[in-house]
Amino acid sequence: MRRLLTAPRKPSRRLDTSFAIVNIVLLLIFFFLATGQLFGSPDPGVSLARTTQLPIAALPRPLLIVGDDGALILDGTAVNKGVLGPAIMAATDEERPVLNVFIAGEARATDLVALLSNSTLAAVEIRLVTLDVDE
């Protein structure tokens, strides 16, 4: 009887995927760290102040009062929407003036956005002042 010996089997090489899995996990961790810092900031850039019983005369200047009918009054004088920016720049000698806009809390947002999208207000910082009537 003749016995045939076969060559010993070489252990088959299996692809080690643990290195790739570790890389993917690290990339996911870095991604969530980076996006959490970019988008998870608690400061939205708007600071809201709340006061009660404040007379209009005590508000800072320049003050733009927006009437219910859309009339604009800048520091006691009626002003046209087209010359609003230059009128504000003339009222103050700051390079980037702060305009306080007094508008009713129940005013429509589209009216406010239309007013503030005025191209003459590009160099002006805007602060909103509303009358809160919870009572």
C-alpha atoms as a PDB file:
ATOM      1  CA  MET A   1       0.000   0.000   0.000  1.00  0.00           C
ATOM      2  CA  ARG A   2       1.207   3.180  -0.975  1.00  0.00           C
ATOM      3  CA  ARG A   3       0.432   6.144   1.120  1.00  0.00           C
ATOM      4  CA  LEU A   4       0.399   9.572  -0.355  1.00  0.00           C
ATOM      5  CA  LEU A   5       1.310  12.319   1.943  1.00  0.00           C
ATOM      6  CA  THR A   6      -0.136  15.655   1.231  1.00  0.00           C
ATOM      7  CA  ALA A   7       1.700  18.834   1.854  1.00  0.00           C
ATOM      8  CA  PRO A   8       0.876  20.428   5.143  1.00  0.00           C
ATOM      9  CA  ARG A   9      -1.707  23.115   4.812  1.00  0.00           C
ATOM     10  CA  LYS A  10      -0.618  26.634   5.239  1.00  0.00           C
ATOM     11  CA  PRO A  11      -2.806  28.458   7.644  1.00  0.00           C
ATOM     12  CA  SER A  12      -5.090  30.664   5.626  1.00  0.00           C
ATOM     13  CA  ARG A  13      -4.609  34.357   6.184  1.00  0.00           C
ATOM     14  CA  ARG A  14      -7.716  36.057   7.297  1.00  0.00           C
ATOM     15  CA  LEU A  15      -8.088  39.730   6.799  1.00  0.00           C
ATOM     16  CA  ASP A  16      -7.883  41.553  10.131  1.00  0.00           C
ATOM     17  CA  THR A  17     -10.614  44.195  10.171  1.00  0.00           C
ATOM     18  CA  SER A  18     -10.045  45.399  13.706  1.00  0.00           C
ATOM     19  CA  PHE A  19      -7.694  48.183  12.564  1.00  0.00           C
ATOM     20  CA  ALA A  20     -10.296  49.510  10.105  1.00  0.00           C
ATOM     21  CA  ILE A  21     -13.032  49.382  12.754  1.00  0.00           C
ATOM     22  CA  VAL A  22     -10.860  51.329  15.213  1.00  0.00           C
ATOM     23  CA  ASN A  23     -10.181  53.951  12.536  1.00  0.00           C
ATOM     24  CA  ILE A  24     -13.884  54.347  11.769  1.00  0.00           C
ATOM     25  CA  VAL A  25     -14.761  54.685  15.460  1.00  0.00           C
ATOM     26  CA  LEU A  26     -12.064  57.321  15.956  1.00  0.00           C
ATOM     27  CA  LEU A  27     -13.258  59.247  12.896  1.00  0.00           C
ATOM     28  CA  LEU A  28     -16.813  59.207  14.240  1.00  0.00           C
ATOM     29  CA  ILE A  29     -15.627  60.457  17.628  1.00  0.00           C
ATOM     30  CA  PHE A  30     -13.669  63.304  16.017  1.00  0.00           C
ATOM     31  CA  PHE A  31     -16.652  64.162  13.808  1.00  0.00           C
ATOM     32  CA  PHE A  32     -19.059  64.423  16.740  1.00  0.00           C
ATOM     33  CA  LEU A  33     -16.555  66.416  18.782  1.00  0.00           C
ATOM     34  CA  ALA A  34     -16.028  68.874  15.932  1.00  0.00           C
ATOM     35  CA  THR A  35     -19.693  69.308  15.030  1.00  0.00           C
ATOM     36  CA  GLY A  36     -20.704  69.524  18.663  1.00  0.00           C
ATOM     37  CA  GLN A  37     -18.392  72.484  19.125  1.00  0.00           C
ATOM     38  CA  LEU A  38     -19.524  74.196  15.930  1.00  0.00           C
ATOM     39  CA  PHE A  39     -23.269  73.799  16.249  1.00  0.00           C
ATOM     40  CA  GLY A  40     -23.833  73.178  19.940  1.00  0.00           C
ATOM     41  CA  SER A  41     -22.914  76.610  21.187  1.00  0.00           C
ATOM     42  CA  PRO A  42     -25.449  77.810  23.749  1.00  0.00           C
ATOM     43  CA  ASP A  43     -25.119  81.477  22.707  1.00  0.00           C
ATOM     44  CA  PRO A  44     -27.364  82.198  19.699  1.00  0.00           C
ATOM     45  CA  GLY A  45     -26.037  85.763  19.429  1.00  0.00           C
ATOM     46  CA  VAL A  46     -29.221  87.353  20.731  1.00  0.00           C
ATOM     47  CA  SER A  47     -29.443  88.671  24.234  1.00  0.00           C
ATOM     48  CA  LEU A  48     -32.915  89.480  25.483  1.00  0.00           C
ATOM     49  CA  ALA A  49     -33.441  92.018  28.220  1.00  0.00           C
ATOM     50  CA  ARG A  50     -36.614  92.293  30.236  1.00  0.00           C
ATOM     51  CA  THR A  51     -37.692  95.383  32.114  1.00  0.00           C
ATOM     52  CA  THR A  52     -40.963  96.584  33.530  1.00  0.00           C
ATOM     53  CA  GLN A  53     -42.401 100.072  33.873  1.00  0.00           C
ATOM     54  CA  LEU A  54     -39.718 101.712  31.734  1.00  0.00           C
ATOM     55  CA  PRO A  55     -40.748 105.053  30.225  1.00  0.00           C
ATOM     56  CA  ILE A  56     -39.980 105.548  26.542  1.00  0.00           C
ATOM     57  CA  ALA A  57     -37.980 108.700  27.341  1.00  0.00           C
ATOM     58  CA  ALA A  58     -35.496 106.561  29.297  1.00  0.00           C
ATOM     59  CA  LEU A  59     -34.655 104.310  26.332  1.00  0.00           C
ATOM     60  CA  PRO A  60     -31.250 104.768  24.710  1.00  0.00           C
ATOM     61  CA  ARG A  61     -30.876 106.818  21.565  1.00  0.00           C
ATOM     62  CA  PRO A  62     -31.152 106.582  18.583  1.00  0.00           C
ATOM     63  CA  LEU A  63     -34.619 105.086  19.007  1.00  0.00           C
ATOM     64  CA  LEU A  64     -36.781 104.127  16.047  1.00  0.00           C
ATOM     65  CA  ILE A  65     -40.440 103.731  16.944  1.00  0.00           C
ATOM     66  CA  VAL A  66     -42.427 101.648  14.477  1.00  0.00           C
ATOM     67  CA  GLY A  67     -46.106 102.541  14.638  1.00  0.00           C
ATOM     68  CA  ASP A  68     -48.983 100.135  14.094  1.00  0.00           C
ATOM     69  CA  ASP A  69     -49.593 101.695  10.675  1.00  0.00           C
ATOM     70  CA  GLY A  70     -45.907 101.347   9.685  1.00  0.00           C
ATOM     71  CA  ALA A  71     -44.980 104.961  10.411  1.00  0.00           C
ATOM     72  CA  LEU A  72     -41.332 105.417  11.442  1.00  0.00           C
ATOM     73  CA  ILE A  73     -40.323 107.934  14.103  1.00  0.00           C
ATOM     74  CA  LEU A  74     -36.602 108.382  14.768  1.00  0.00           C
ATOM     75  CA  ASP A  75     -35.921 110.233  18.023  1.00  0.00           C
ATOM     76  CA  GLY A  76     -39.206 112.134  17.831  1.00  0.00           C
ATOM     77  CA  THR A  77     -39.133 113.050  14.126  1.00  0.00           C
ATOM     78  CA  ALA A  78     -40.911 111.225  11.323  1.00  0.00           C
ATOM     79  CA  VAL A  79     -38.514 109.606   8.881  1.00  0.00           C
ATOM     80  CA  ASN A  80     -38.857 107.880   5.525  1.00  0.00           C
ATOM     81  CA  LYS A  81     -37.736 104.273   5.122  1.00  0.00           C
ATOM     82  CA  GLY A  82     -35.424 105.208   2.220  1.00  0.00           C
ATOM     83  CA  VAL A  83     -33.320 107.669   4.245  1.00  0.00           C
ATOM     84  CA  LEU A  84     -33.328 105.732   7.489  1.00  0.00           C
ATOM     85  CA  GLY A  85     -29.640 104.730   7.387  1.00  0.00           C
ATOM     86  CA  PRO A  86     -28.251 108.206   6.672  1.00  0.00           C
ATOM     87  CA  ALA A  87     -30.567 109.719   9.314  1.00  0.00           C
ATOM     88  CA  ILE A  88     -29.191 107.298  11.923  1.00  0.00           C
ATOM     89  CA  MET A  89     -25.594 108.010  10.895  1.00  0.00           C
ATOM     90  CA  ALA A  90     -26.314 111.758  11.224  1.00  0.00           C
ATOM     91  CA  ALA A  91     -27.876 111.275  14.670  1.00  0.00           C
ATOM     92  CA  THR A  92     -24.710 109.731  16.094  1.00  0.00           C
ATOM     93  CA  ASP A  93     -20.992 110.100  15.523  1.00  0.00           C
ATOM     94  CA  GLU A  94     -20.148 106.420  16.061  1.00  0.00           C
ATOM     95  CA  GLU A  95     -18.656 104.377  13.237  1.00  0.00           C
ATOM     96  CA  ARG A  96     -21.104 101.501  13.814  1.00  0.00           C
ATOM     97  CA  PRO A  97     -24.116 102.972  15.620  1.00  0.00           C
ATOM     98  CA  VAL A  98     -26.642 100.918  17.544  1.00  0.00           C
ATOM     99  CA  LEU A  99     -30.262 101.466  16.533  1.00  0.00           C
ATOM    100  CA  ASN A 100     -32.895 100.598  19.115  1.00  0.00           C
ATOM    101  CA  VAL A 101     -36.097  99.585  17.335  1.00  0.00           C
ATOM    102  CA  PHE A 102     -39.252  99.923  19.460  1.00  0.00           C
ATOM    103  CA  ILE A 103     -42.026  97.785  18.013  1.00  0.00           C
ATOM    104  CA  ALA A 104     -45.152  96.207  19.412  1.00  0.00           C
ATOM    105  CA  GLY A 105     -44.680  92.614  20.524  1.00  0.00           C
ATOM    106  CA  GLU A 106     -47.654  91.479  18.445  1.00  0.00           C
ATOM    107  CA  ALA A 107     -46.336  93.066  15.238  1.00  0.00           C
ATOM    108  CA  ARG A 108     -45.944  90.795  12.228  1.00  0.00           C
ATOM    109  CA  ALA A 109     -42.466  89.402  11.752  1.00  0.00           C
ATOM    110  CA  THR A 110     -42.595  89.942   7.986  1.00  0.00           C
ATOM    111  CA  ASP A 111     -43.041  93.692   8.507  1.00  0.00           C
ATOM    112  CA  LEU A 112     -40.050  93.795  10.831  1.00  0.00           C
ATOM    113  CA  VAL A 113     -37.885  91.739   8.472  1.00  0.00           C
ATOM    114  CA  ALA A 114     -38.864  93.981   5.555  1.00  0.00           C
ATOM    115  CA  LEU A 115     -37.912  97.049   7.570  1.00  0.00           C
ATOM    116  CA  LEU A 116     -34.588  95.654   8.757  1.00  0.00           C
ATOM    117  CA  SER A 117     -33.596  94.326   5.329  1.00  0.00           C
ATOM    118  CA  ASN A 118     -33.268  97.928   4.192  1.00  0.00           C
ATOM    119  CA  SER A 119     -29.887  98.270   2.468  1.00  0.00           C
ATOM    120  CA  THR A 120     -29.203 101.617   4.161  1.00  0.00           C
ATOM    121  CA  LEU A 121     -29.041  99.803   7.531  1.00  0.00           C
ATOM    122  CA  ALA A 122     -26.038  97.659   6.550  1.00  0.00           C
ATOM    123  CA  ALA A 123     -23.633  99.577   8.821  1.00  0.00           C
ATOM    124  CA  VAL A 124     -26.029  99.750  11.775  1.00  0.00           C
ATOM    125  CA  GLU A 125     -26.348  97.298  14.667  1.00  0.00           C
ATOM    126  CA  ILE A 126     -29.995  96.592  15.521  1.00  0.00           C
ATOM    127  CA  ARG A 127     -31.498  96.043  18.988  1.00  0.00           C
ATOM    128  CA  LEU A 128     -35.173  95.249  19.383  1.00  0.00           C
ATOM    129  CA  VAL A 129     -37.234  96.783  22.159  1.00  0.00           C
ATOM    130  CA  THR A 130     -40.780  95.546  22.650  1.00  0.00           C
ATOM    131  CA  LEU A 131     -43.626  96.407  24.935  1.00  0.00           C
ATOM    132  CA  ASP A 132     -44.652  93.316  26.880  1.00  0.00           C
ATOM    133  CA  VAL A 133     -48.260  93.359  27.992  1.00  0.00           C
ATOM    134  CA  ASP A 134     -48.827  90.130  29.934  1.00  0.00           C
ATOM    135  CA  GLU A 135     -51.290  91.644  32.377  1.00  0.00           C
END
